[in-house]
PDB file of N, CA and C in Angstrom:
ATOM      1  N   UNK A   1      49.683 110.838  -1.673  1.00  0.00           N
ATOM      2  CA  UNK A   1      50.868 111.684  -1.683  1.00  0.00           C
ATOM      3  C   UNK A   1      50.562 113.077  -1.139  1.00  0.00           C
ATOM      4  N   UNK A   2      49.377 113.599  -1.447  1.00  0.00           N
ATOM      5  CA  UNK A   2      49.005 114.934  -0.965  1.00  0.00           C
ATOM      6  C   UNK A   2      48.957 114.987   0.562  1.00  0.00           C
ATOM      7  N   UNK A   3      48.539 113.903   1.207  1.00  0.00           N
ATOM      8  CA  UNK A   3      48.429 113.908   2.669  1.00  0.00           C
ATOM      9  C   UNK A   3      49.792 114.113   3.305  1.00  0.00           C
ATOM     10  N   UNK A   4      50.849 113.557   2.712  1.00  0.00           N
ATOM     11  CA  UNK A   4      52.196 113.747   3.246  1.00  0.00           C
ATOM     12  C   UNK A   4      52.583 115.229   3.182  1.00  0.00           C
ATOM     13  N   UNK A   5      52.187 115.909   2.128  1.00  0.00           N
ATOM     14  CA  UNK A   5      52.480 117.341   1.995  1.00  0.00           C
ATOM     15  C   UNK A   5      51.861 118.115   3.157  1.00  0.00           C
ATOM     16  N   UNK A   6      50.633 117.793   3.514  1.00  0.00           N
ATOM     17  CA  UNK A   6      49.952 118.499   4.597  1.00  0.00           C
ATOM     18  C   UNK A   6      50.548 118.160   5.963  1.00  0.00           C
ATOM     19  N   UNK A   7      50.931 116.906   6.159  1.00  0.00           N
ATOM     20  CA  UNK A   7      51.558 116.526   7.434  1.00  0.00           C
ATOM     21  C   UNK A   7      52.905 117.220   7.581  1.00  0.00           C
ATOM     22  N   UNK A   8      53.692 117.191   6.526  1.00  0.00           N
ATOM     23  CA  UNK A   8      55.003 117.846   6.548  1.00  0.00           C
ATOM     24  C   UNK A   8      54.850 119.349   6.806  1.00  0.00           C
ATOM     25  N   UNK A   9      53.876 119.944   6.156  1.00  0.00           N
ATOM     26  CA  UNK A   9      53.640 121.369   6.342  1.00  0.00           C
ATOM     27  C   UNK A   9      53.226 121.676   7.772  1.00  0.00           C
ATOM     28  N   UNK A  10      52.337 120.868   8.325  1.00  0.00           N
ATOM     29  CA  UNK A  10      51.854 121.107   9.692  1.00  0.00           C
ATOM     30  C   UNK A  10      52.974 120.966  10.705  1.00  0.00           C
ATOM     31  N   UNK A  11      53.879 120.048  10.491  1.00  0.00           N
ATOM     32  CA  UNK A  11      54.957 119.815  11.447  1.00  0.00           C
ATOM     33  C   UNK A  11      56.138 120.767  11.274  1.00  0.00           C
ATOM     34  N   UNK A  12      56.370 121.225  10.049  1.00  0.00           N
ATOM     35  CA  UNK A  12      57.604 121.957   9.799  1.00  0.00           C
ATOM     36  C   UNK A  12      57.398 123.267   9.040  1.00  0.00           C
ATOM     37  N   UNK A  13      56.616 123.229   7.988  1.00  0.00           N
ATOM     38  CA  UNK A  13      56.527 124.358   7.078  1.00  0.00           C
ATOM     39  C   UNK A  13      55.753 125.559   7.581  1.00  0.00           C
ATOM     40  N   UNK A  14      54.723 125.333   8.377  1.00  0.00           N
ATOM     41  CA  UNK A  14      53.872 126.441   8.829  1.00  0.00           C
ATOM     42  C   UNK A  14      54.672 127.499   9.575  1.00  0.00           C
ATOM     43  N   UNK A  15      55.571 127.077  10.423  1.00  0.00           N
ATOM     44  CA  UNK A  15      56.327 128.018  11.260  1.00  0.00           C
ATOM     45  C   UNK A  15      57.404 128.751  10.488  1.00  0.00           C
ATOM     46  N   UNK A  16      57.708 128.308   9.278  1.00  0.00           N
ATOM     47  CA  UNK A  16      58.693 129.000   8.448  1.00  0.00           C
ATOM     48  C   UNK A  16      58.060 130.146   7.652  1.00  0.00           C
ATOM     49  N   UNK A  17      56.738 130.160   7.563  1.00  0.00           N
ATOM     50  CA  UNK A  17      56.054 131.243   6.850  1.00  0.00           C
ATOM     51  C   UNK A  17      56.107 132.484   7.729  1.00  0.00           C
ATOM     52  N   UNK A  18      56.575 133.618   7.190  1.00  0.00           N
ATOM     53  CA  UNK A  18      56.645 134.841   7.989  1.00  0.00           C
ATOM     54  C   UNK A  18      55.260 135.309   8.429  1.00  0.00           C
ATOM     55  N   UNK A  19      55.204 135.876   9.605  1.00  0.00           N
ATOM     56  CA  UNK A  19      53.942 136.402  10.126  1.00  0.00           C
ATOM     57  C   UNK A  19      53.658 137.747   9.473  1.00  0.00           C
ATOM     58  N   UNK A  20      52.408 138.007   9.159  1.00  0.00           N
ATOM     59  CA  UNK A  20      52.028 139.291   8.579  1.00  0.00           C
ATOM     60  C   UNK A  20      51.398 139.138   7.207  1.00  0.00           C
ATOM     61  N   UNK A  21      51.310 140.252   6.504  1.00  0.00           N
ATOM     62  CA  UNK A  21      50.628 140.292   5.211  1.00  0.00           C
ATOM     63  C   UNK A  21      51.546 140.048   4.023  1.00  0.00           C
ATOM     64  N   UNK A  22      52.846 139.941   4.275  1.00  0.00           N
ATOM     65  CA  UNK A  22      53.805 139.817   3.185  1.00  0.00           C
ATOM     66  C   UNK A  22      54.566 138.501   3.250  1.00  0.00           C
ATOM     67  N   UNK A  23      55.177 138.119   2.158  1.00  0.00           N
ATOM     68  CA  UNK A  23      55.933 136.879   2.040  1.00  0.00           C
ATOM     69  C   UNK A  23      57.371 137.064   2.532  1.00  0.00           C
ATOM     70  N   UNK A  24      57.568 137.940   3.481  1.00  0.00           N
ATOM     71  CA  UNK A  24      58.890 138.149   4.062  1.00  0.00           C
ATOM     72  C   UNK A  24      58.748 138.733   5.456  1.00  0.00           C
ATOM     73  N   UNK A  25      59.830 138.617   6.223  1.00  0.00           N
ATOM     74  CA  UNK A  25      59.905 139.219   7.550  1.00  0.00           C
ATOM     75  C   UNK A  25      61.042 140.226   7.529  1.00  0.00           C
ATOM     76  N   UNK A  26      60.791 141.426   8.022  1.00  0.00           N
ATOM     77  CA  UNK A  26      61.838 142.442   8.088  1.00  0.00           C
ATOM     78  C   UNK A  26      62.730 142.131   9.283  1.00  0.00           C
ATOM     79  N   UNK A  27      64.001 141.901   9.017  1.00  0.00           N
ATOM     80  CA  UNK A  27      64.965 141.594  10.068  1.00  0.00           C
ATOM     81  C   UNK A  27      65.642 142.849  10.593  1.00  0.00           C
ATOM     82  N   UNK A  28      65.850 143.813   9.686  1.00  0.00           N
ATOM     83  CA  UNK A  28      66.578 145.021  10.077  1.00  0.00           C
ATOM     84  C   UNK A  28      66.282 146.144   9.094  1.00  0.00           C
ATOM     85  N   UNK A  29      66.196 147.352   9.601  1.00  0.00           N
ATOM     86  CA  UNK A  29      66.070 148.539   8.767  1.00  0.00           C
ATOM     87  C   UNK A  29      67.414 149.253   8.821  1.00  0.00           C
ATOM     88  N   UNK A  30      68.063 149.375   7.676  1.00  0.00           N
ATOM     89  CA  UNK A  30      69.384 150.001   7.604  1.00  0.00           C
ATOM     90  C   UNK A  30      69.199 151.427   7.109  1.00  0.00           C
ATOM     91  N   UNK A  31      69.476 152.357   7.985  1.00  0.00           N
ATOM     92  CA  UNK A  31      69.334 153.778   7.641  1.00  0.00           C
ATOM     93  C   UNK A  31      70.613 154.262   6.942  1.00  0.00           C
ATOM     94  N   UNK A  32      70.478 154.950   5.815  1.00  0.00           N
ATOM     95  CA  UNK A  32      71.662 155.425   5.093  1.00  0.00           C
ATOM     96  C   UNK A  32      72.310 156.616   5.802  1.00  0.00           C
ATOM     97  N   UNK A  33      73.582 156.787   5.532  1.00  0.00           N
ATOM     98  CA  UNK A  33      74.312 157.924   6.107  1.00  0.00           C
ATOM     99  C   UNK A  33      73.829 159.218   5.461  1.00  0.00           C
ATOM    100  N   UNK A  34      73.592 159.163   4.162  1.00  0.00           N
ATOM    101  CA  UNK A  34      73.074 160.315   3.437  1.00  0.00           C
ATOM    102  C   UNK A  34      71.569 160.369   3.682  1.00  0.00           C
ATOM    103  N   UNK A  35      71.083 161.498   4.166  1.00  0.00           N
ATOM    104  CA  UNK A  35      69.688 161.578   4.627  1.00  0.00           C
ATOM    105  C   UNK A  35      68.642 161.564   3.521  1.00  0.00           C
ATOM    106  N   UNK A  36      68.994 161.906   2.291  1.00  0.00           N
ATOM    107  CA  UNK A  36      67.976 161.964   1.238  1.00  0.00           C
ATOM    108  C   UNK A  36      67.749 160.603   0.565  1.00  0.00           C
ATOM    109  N   UNK A  37      68.433 159.557   1.004  1.00  0.00           N
ATOM    110  CA  UNK A  37      68.229 158.223   0.457  1.00  0.00           C
ATOM    111  C   UNK A  37      67.253 157.437   1.334  1.00  0.00           C
ATOM    112  N   UNK A  38      66.446 156.561   0.725  1.00  0.00           N
ATOM    113  CA  UNK A  38      65.513 155.756   1.538  1.00  0.00           C
ATOM    114  C   UNK A  38      66.260 154.657   2.302  1.00  0.00           C
ATOM    115  N   UNK A  39      65.683 154.167   3.394  1.00  0.00           N
ATOM    116  CA  UNK A  39      66.330 153.077   4.131  1.00  0.00           C
ATOM    117  C   UNK A  39      66.290 151.765   3.335  1.00  0.00           C
ATOM    118  N   UNK A  40      67.189 150.867   3.667  1.00  0.00           N
ATOM    119  CA  UNK A  40      67.249 149.550   3.051  1.00  0.00           C
ATOM    120  C   UNK A  40      66.727 148.536   4.067  1.00  0.00           C
ATOM    121  N   UNK A  41      65.955 147.575   3.588  1.00  0.00           N
ATOM    122  CA  UNK A  41      65.429 146.535   4.471  1.00  0.00           C
ATOM    123  C   UNK A  41      66.212 145.247   4.271  1.00  0.00           C
ATOM    124  N   UNK A  42      66.606 144.643   5.365  1.00  0.00           N
ATOM    125  CA  UNK A  42      67.174 143.297   5.324  1.00  0.00           C
ATOM    126  C   UNK A  42      66.035 142.366   5.697  1.00  0.00           C
ATOM    127  N   UNK A  43      65.701 141.416   4.800  1.00  0.00           N
ATOM    128  CA  UNK A  43      64.513 140.580   4.981  1.00  0.00           C
ATOM    129  C   UNK A  43      64.854 139.093   4.938  1.00  0.00           C
ATOM    130  N   UNK A  44      63.910 138.276   5.433  1.00  0.00           N
ATOM    131  CA  UNK A  44      63.958 136.823   5.251  1.00  0.00           C
ATOM    132  C   UNK A  44      62.687 136.440   4.507  1.00  0.00           C
ATOM    133  N   UNK A  45      62.862 135.920   3.304  1.00  0.00           N
ATOM    134  CA  UNK A  45      61.723 135.555   2.454  1.00  0.00           C
ATOM    135  C   UNK A  45      61.065 134.270   2.920  1.00  0.00           C
ATOM    136  N   UNK A  46      59.812 134.128   2.575  1.00  0.00           N
ATOM    137  CA  UNK A  46      59.092 132.874   2.788  1.00  0.00           C
ATOM    138  C   UNK A  46      59.746 131.801   1.907  1.00  0.00           C
ATOM    139  N   UNK A  47      59.972 130.605   2.449  1.00  0.00           N
ATOM    140  CA  UNK A  47      60.618 129.564   1.642  1.00  0.00           C
ATOM    141  C   UNK A  47      59.762 129.084   0.476  1.00  0.00           C
ATOM    142  N   UNK A  48      58.482 129.397   0.481  1.00  0.00           N
ATOM    143  CA  UNK A  48      57.596 128.964  -0.592  1.00  0.00           C
ATOM    144  C   UNK A  48      57.458 130.002  -1.705  1.00  0.00           C
ATOM    145  N   UNK A  49      57.918 131.221  -1.465  1.00  0.00           N
ATOM    146  CA  UNK A  49      57.793 132.283  -2.465  1.00  0.00           C
ATOM    147  C   UNK A  49      58.937 132.184  -3.458  1.00  0.00           C
ATOM    148  N   UNK A  50      58.633 132.478  -4.714  1.00  0.00           N
ATOM    149  CA  UNK A  50      59.652 132.427  -5.758  1.00  0.00           C
ATOM    150  C   UNK A  50      59.278 133.411  -6.862  1.00  0.00           C
ATOM    151  N   UNK A  51      60.232 133.656  -7.710  1.00  0.00           N
ATOM    152  CA  UNK A  51      60.010 134.532  -8.867  1.00  0.00           C
ATOM    153  C   UNK A  51      60.375 133.739 -10.116  1.00  0.00           C
ATOM    154  N   UNK A  52      59.461 133.732 -11.090  1.00  0.00           N
ATOM    155  CA  UNK A  52      59.712 133.074 -12.372  1.00  0.00           C
ATOM    156  C   UNK A  52      59.855 134.178 -13.409  1.00  0.00           C
ATOM    157  N   UNK A  53      61.081 134.511 -13.726  1.00  0.00           N
ATOM    158  CA  UNK A  53      61.378 135.696 -14.530  1.00  0.00           C
ATOM    159  C   UNK A  53      60.877 135.626 -15.959  1.00  0.00           C
ATOM    160  N   UNK A  54      60.657 134.431 -16.488  1.00  0.00           N
ATOM    161  CA  UNK A  54      60.232 134.323 -17.882  1.00  0.00           C
ATOM    162  C   UNK A  54      58.846 134.917 -18.140  1.00  0.00           C
ATOM    163  N   UNK A  55      58.049 135.146 -17.083  1.00  0.00           N
ATOM    164  CA  UNK A  55      56.710 135.699 -17.270  1.00  0.00           C
ATOM    165  C   UNK A  55      56.686 137.218 -17.262  1.00  0.00           C
ATOM    166  N   UNK A  56      57.783 137.868 -16.916  1.00  0.00           N
ATOM    167  CA  UNK A  56      57.841 139.319 -16.957  1.00  0.00           C
ATOM    168  C   UNK A  56      57.359 139.982 -15.674  1.00  0.00           C
ATOM    169  N   UNK A  57      57.615 141.253 -15.576  1.00  0.00           N
ATOM    170  CA  UNK A  57      57.281 142.039 -14.389  1.00  0.00           C
ATOM    171  C   UNK A  57      55.784 142.003 -14.103  1.00  0.00           C
ATOM    172  N   UNK A  58      55.423 141.889 -12.862  1.00  0.00           N
ATOM    173  CA  UNK A  58      54.056 141.821 -12.335  1.00  0.00           C
ATOM    174  C   UNK A  58      53.314 140.548 -12.729  1.00  0.00           C
ATOM    175  N   UNK A  59      53.997 139.609 -13.322  1.00  0.00           N
ATOM    176  CA  UNK A  59      53.430 138.288 -13.584  1.00  0.00           C
ATOM    177  C   UNK A  59      54.380 137.193 -13.119  1.00  0.00           C
ATOM    178  N   UNK A  60      55.454 137.569 -12.430  1.00  0.00           N
ATOM    179  CA  UNK A  60      56.513 136.606 -12.142  1.00  0.00           C
ATOM    180  C   UNK A  60      56.500 136.034 -10.721  1.00  0.00           C
ATOM    181  N   UNK A  61      55.557 136.431  -9.859  1.00  0.00           N
ATOM    182  CA  UNK A  61      55.481 135.888  -8.507  1.00  0.00           C
ATOM    183  C   UNK A  61      54.892 134.481  -8.512  1.00  0.00           C
ATOM    184  N   UNK A  62      55.419 133.613  -7.640  1.00  0.00           N
ATOM    185  CA  UNK A  62      54.933 132.237  -7.584  1.00  0.00           C
ATOM    186  C   UNK A  62      54.998 131.728  -6.149  1.00  0.00           C
ATOM    187  N   UNK A  63      53.963 131.000  -5.709  1.00  0.00           N
ATOM    188  CA  UNK A  63      53.920 130.388  -4.392  1.00  0.00           C
ATOM    189  C   UNK A  63      53.942 128.873  -4.560  1.00  0.00           C
ATOM    190  N   UNK A  64      55.004 128.232  -4.057  1.00  0.00           N
ATOM    191  CA  UNK A  64      55.124 126.776  -4.184  1.00  0.00           C
ATOM    192  C   UNK A  64      54.124 126.053  -3.291  1.00  0.00           C
ATOM    193  N   UNK A  65      53.714 126.687  -2.193  1.00  0.00           N
ATOM    194  CA  UNK A  65      52.714 126.039  -1.334  1.00  0.00           C
ATOM    195  C   UNK A  65      51.359 126.001  -2.025  1.00  0.00           C
ATOM    196  N   UNK A  66      50.938 127.118  -2.588  1.00  0.00           N
ATOM    197  CA  UNK A  66      49.651 127.176  -3.285  1.00  0.00           C
ATOM    198  C   UNK A  66      49.722 126.560  -4.679  1.00  0.00           C
ATOM    199  N   UNK A  67      50.933 126.389  -5.180  1.00  0.00           N
ATOM    200  CA  UNK A  67      51.171 125.886  -6.529  1.00  0.00           C
ATOM    201  C   UNK A  67      50.479 126.746  -7.571  1.00  0.00           C
ATOM    202  N   UNK A  68      50.608 128.048  -7.406  1.00  0.00           N
ATOM    203  CA  UNK A  68      50.035 129.003  -8.347  1.00  0.00           C
ATOM    204  C   UNK A  68      50.892 130.264  -8.369  1.00  0.00           C
ATOM    205  N   UNK A  69      50.708 131.034  -9.411  1.00  0.00           N
ATOM    206  CA  UNK A  69      51.458 132.272  -9.539  1.00  0.00           C
ATOM    207  C   UNK A  69      50.633 133.350 -10.201  1.00  0.00           C
ATOM    208  N   UNK A  70      51.243 134.520 -10.332  1.00  0.00           N
ATOM    209  CA  UNK A  70      50.546 135.653 -10.949  1.00  0.00           C
ATOM    210  C   UNK A  70      50.159 135.345 -12.392  1.00  0.00           C
ATOM    211  N   UNK A  71      50.962 134.565 -13.092  1.00  0.00           N
ATOM    212  CA  UNK A  71      50.682 134.261 -14.495  1.00  0.00           C
ATOM    213  C   UNK A  71      49.464 133.351 -14.662  1.00  0.00           C
ATOM    214  N   UNK A  72      49.024 132.643 -13.612  1.00  0.00           N
ATOM    215  CA  UNK A  72      47.862 131.750 -13.680  1.00  0.00           C
ATOM    216  C   UNK A  72      46.548 132.489 -13.454  1.00  0.00           C
ATOM    217  N   UNK A  73      46.615 133.709 -12.949  1.00  0.00           N
ATOM    218  CA  UNK A  73      45.408 134.405 -12.508  1.00  0.00           C
ATOM    219  C   UNK A  73      44.902 135.375 -13.567  1.00  0.00           C
ATOM    220  N   UNK A  74      43.602 135.628 -13.522  1.00  0.00           N
ATOM    221  CA  UNK A  74      43.033 136.655 -14.393  1.00  0.00           C
ATOM    222  C   UNK A  74      43.441 138.000 -13.824  1.00  0.00           C
ATOM    223  N   UNK A  75      43.883 138.904 -14.666  1.00  0.00           N
ATOM    224  CA  UNK A  75      44.401 140.178 -14.166  1.00  0.00           C
ATOM    225  C   UNK A  75      45.752 139.943 -13.516  1.00  0.00           C
ATOM    226  N   UNK A  76      46.113 140.800 -12.605  1.00  0.00           N
ATOM    227  CA  UNK A  76      47.395 140.666 -11.931  1.00  0.00           C
ATOM    228  C   UNK A  76      47.190 140.283 -10.477  1.00  0.00           C
ATOM    229  N   UNK A  77      47.891 139.245 -10.038  1.00  0.00           N
ATOM    230  CA  UNK A  77      47.944 138.918  -8.623  1.00  0.00           C
ATOM    231  C   UNK A  77      48.997 139.807  -7.966  1.00  0.00           C
ATOM    232  N   UNK A  78      49.182 139.646  -6.693  1.00  0.00           N
ATOM    233  CA  UNK A  78      50.157 140.478  -5.985  1.00  0.00           C
ATOM    234  C   UNK A  78      51.351 139.688  -5.470  1.00  0.00           C
ATOM    235  N   UNK A  79      51.500 138.450  -5.902  1.00  0.00           N
ATOM    236  CA  UNK A  79      52.666 137.683  -5.482  1.00  0.00           C
ATOM    237  C   UNK A  79      53.968 138.317  -5.980  1.00  0.00           C
ATOM    238  N   UNK A  80      53.946 138.968  -7.126  1.00  0.00           N
ATOM    239  CA  UNK A  80      55.136 139.626  -7.647  1.00  0.00           C
ATOM    240  C   UNK A  80      55.661 140.666  -6.658  1.00  0.00           C
ATOM    241  N   UNK A  81      54.764 141.250  -5.858  1.00  0.00           N
ATOM    242  CA  UNK A  81      55.132 142.267  -4.864  1.00  0.00           C
ATOM    243  C   UNK A  81      55.263 141.645  -3.471  1.00  0.00           C
ATOM    244  N   UNK A  82      55.303 140.327  -3.411  1.00  0.00           N
ATOM    245  CA  UNK A  82      55.444 139.546  -2.189  1.00  0.00           C
ATOM    246  C   UNK A  82      54.316 139.795  -1.183  1.00  0.00           C
ATOM    247  N   UNK A  83      53.110 140.000  -1.699  1.00  0.00           N
ATOM    248  CA  UNK A  83      51.925 140.101  -0.850  1.00  0.00           C
ATOM    249  C   UNK A  83      51.332 138.699  -0.742  1.00  0.00           C
ATOM    250  N   UNK A  84      51.078 138.250   0.482  1.00  0.00           N
ATOM    251  CA  UNK A  84      50.583 136.888   0.708  1.00  0.00           C
ATOM    252  C   UNK A  84      49.216 136.671   0.072  1.00  0.00           C
ATOM    253  N   UNK A  85      49.065 135.511  -0.515  1.00  0.00           N
ATOM    254  CA  UNK A  85      47.755 135.081  -0.997  1.00  0.00           C
ATOM    255  C   UNK A  85      47.284 133.851  -0.253  1.00  0.00           C
ATOM    256  N   UNK A  86      48.162 133.248   0.552  1.00  0.00           N
ATOM    257  CA  UNK A  86      47.794 132.031   1.287  1.00  0.00           C
ATOM    258  C   UNK A  86      46.948 132.345   2.517  1.00  0.00           C
ATOM    259  N   UNK A  87      47.104 133.527   3.090  1.00  0.00           N
ATOM    260  CA  UNK A  87      46.337 133.898   4.271  1.00  0.00           C
ATOM    261  C   UNK A  87      46.826 133.251   5.554  1.00  0.00           C
ATOM    262  N   UNK A  88      47.961 132.581   5.525  1.00  0.00           N
ATOM    263  CA  UNK A  88      48.496 131.908   6.710  1.00  0.00           C
ATOM    264  C   UNK A  88      49.345 132.855   7.554  1.00  0.00           C
ATOM    265  N   UNK A  89      49.193 132.767   8.859  1.00  0.00           N
ATOM    266  CA  UNK A  89      49.961 133.530   9.846  1.00  0.00           C
ATOM    267  C   UNK A  89      49.815 135.044   9.668  1.00  0.00           C
ATOM    268  N   UNK A  90      48.615 135.495   9.320  1.00  0.00           N
ATOM    269  CA  UNK A  90      48.361 136.935   9.266  1.00  0.00           C
ATOM    270  C   UNK A  90      48.213 137.478  10.681  1.00  0.00           C
ATOM    271  N   UNK A  91      48.396 138.774  10.837  1.00  0.00           N
ATOM    272  CA  UNK A  91      48.261 139.403  12.146  1.00  0.00           C
ATOM    273  C   UNK A  91      46.796 139.471  12.561  1.00  0.00           C
ATOM    274  N   UNK A  92      46.553 139.363  13.859  1.00  0.00           N
ATOM    275  CA  UNK A  92      45.211 139.567  14.382  1.00  0.00           C
ATOM    276  C   UNK A  92      44.973 141.075  14.505  1.00  0.00           C
ATOM    277  N   UNK A  93      43.727 141.473  14.705  1.00  0.00           N
ATOM    278  CA  UNK A  93      43.415 142.902  14.855  1.00  0.00           C
ATOM    279  C   UNK A  93      44.113 143.473  16.080  1.00  0.00           C
ATOM    280  N   UNK A  94      44.210 142.700  17.146  1.00  0.00           N
ATOM    281  CA  UNK A  94      44.883 143.147  18.368  1.00  0.00           C
ATOM    282  C   UNK A  94      46.368 143.421  18.105  1.00  0.00           C
ATOM    283  N   UNK A  95      47.021 142.530  17.362  1.00  0.00           N
ATOM    284  CA  UNK A  95      48.432 142.717  17.031  1.00  0.00           C
ATOM    285  C   UNK A  95      48.632 143.936  16.136  1.00  0.00           C
ATOM    286  N   UNK A  96      47.733 144.131  15.169  1.00  0.00           N
ATOM    287  CA  UNK A  96      47.836 145.297  14.285  1.00  0.00           C
ATOM    288  C   UNK A  96      47.665 146.593  15.064  1.00  0.00           C
ATOM    289  N   UNK A  97      46.733 146.632  16.001  1.00  0.00           N
ATOM    290  CA  UNK A  97      46.513 147.817  16.829  1.00  0.00           C
ATOM    291  C   UNK A  97      47.766 148.141  17.638  1.00  0.00           C
ATOM    292  N   UNK A  98      48.383 147.109  18.233  1.00  0.00           N
ATOM    293  CA  UNK A  98      49.598 147.290  19.038  1.00  0.00           C
ATOM    294  C   UNK A  98      50.744 147.837  18.175  1.00  0.00           C
ATOM    295  N   UNK A  99      50.912 147.306  16.978  1.00  0.00           N
ATOM    296  CA  UNK A  99      51.973 147.795  16.089  1.00  0.00           C
ATOM    297  C   UNK A  99      51.720 149.242  15.690  1.00  0.00           C
ATOM    298  N   UNK A 100      50.454 149.583  15.424  1.00  0.00           N
ATOM    299  CA  UNK A 100      50.101 150.949  15.059  1.00  0.00           C
ATOM    300  C   UNK A 100      50.431 151.906  16.203  1.00  0.00           C
ATOM    301  N   UNK A 101      50.089 151.534  17.423  1.00  0.00           N
ATOM    302  CA  UNK A 101      50.365 152.392  18.579  1.00  0.00           C
ATOM    303  C   UNK A 101      51.861 152.570  18.788  1.00  0.00           C
ATOM    304  N   UNK A 102      52.648 151.506  18.594  1.00  0.00           N
ATOM    305  CA  UNK A 102      54.098 151.621  18.729  1.00  0.00           C
ATOM    306  C   UNK A 102      54.678 152.530  17.659  1.00  0.00           C
ATOM    307  N   UNK A 103      54.138 152.430  16.457  1.00  0.00           N
ATOM    308  CA  UNK A 103      54.591 153.281  15.356  1.00  0.00           C
ATOM    309  C   UNK A 103      54.299 154.751  15.654  1.00  0.00           C
ATOM    310  N   UNK A 104      53.114 155.031  16.187  1.00  0.00           N
ATOM    311  CA  UNK A 104      52.751 156.414  16.503  1.00  0.00           C
ATOM    312  C   UNK A 104      53.629 156.963  17.631  1.00  0.00           C
ATOM    313  N   UNK A 105      54.000 156.141  18.596  1.00  0.00           N
ATOM    314  CA  UNK A 105      54.901 156.573  19.669  1.00  0.00           C
ATOM    315  C   UNK A 105      56.264 156.934  19.100  1.00  0.00           C
ATOM    316  N   UNK A 106      56.745 156.135  18.160  1.00  0.00           N
ATOM    317  CA  UNK A 106      58.045 156.405  17.513  1.00  0.00           C
ATOM    318  C   UNK A 106      58.024 157.696  16.719  1.00  0.00           C
ATOM    319  N   UNK A 107      56.890 158.017  16.108  1.00  0.00           N
ATOM    320  CA  UNK A 107      56.779 159.251  15.325  1.00  0.00           C
ATOM    321  C   UNK A 107      56.811 160.490  16.217  1.00  0.00           C
ATOM    322  N   UNK A 108      56.318 160.341  17.452  1.00  0.00           N
ATOM    323  CA  UNK A 108      56.283 161.474  18.371  1.00  0.00           C
ATOM    324  C   UNK A 108      57.668 161.838  18.879  1.00  0.00           C
ATOM    325  N   UNK A 109      58.590 160.882  18.848  1.00  0.00           N
ATOM    326  CA  UNK A 109      59.954 161.134  19.357  1.00  0.00           C
ATOM    327  C   UNK A 109      60.744 162.032  18.457  1.00  0.00           C
TER     328      UNK A 109
END
């Protein structure tokens, strides 16, 4: 049965995991009209990420792919904050450098 999970994941699930260090992809940054308010992010979550509220804050993150959550780990994991623990589809150093340079160009404007 486990082999079917891996085949299904390889054919379909891998590409649904957002690229980067987090369990979501930022689709849009919505800037508020009032300047002293922070921007709002419109995101698409990883289909495997979930929150189990019965465990409480900072223990409620859960990954269905890894079949583990913050409540299973010693100390606190970072799934509650949607930080990836699977390590899949992370950025390469070249991609991170390019994003950093684009960010610095935007700051200069």
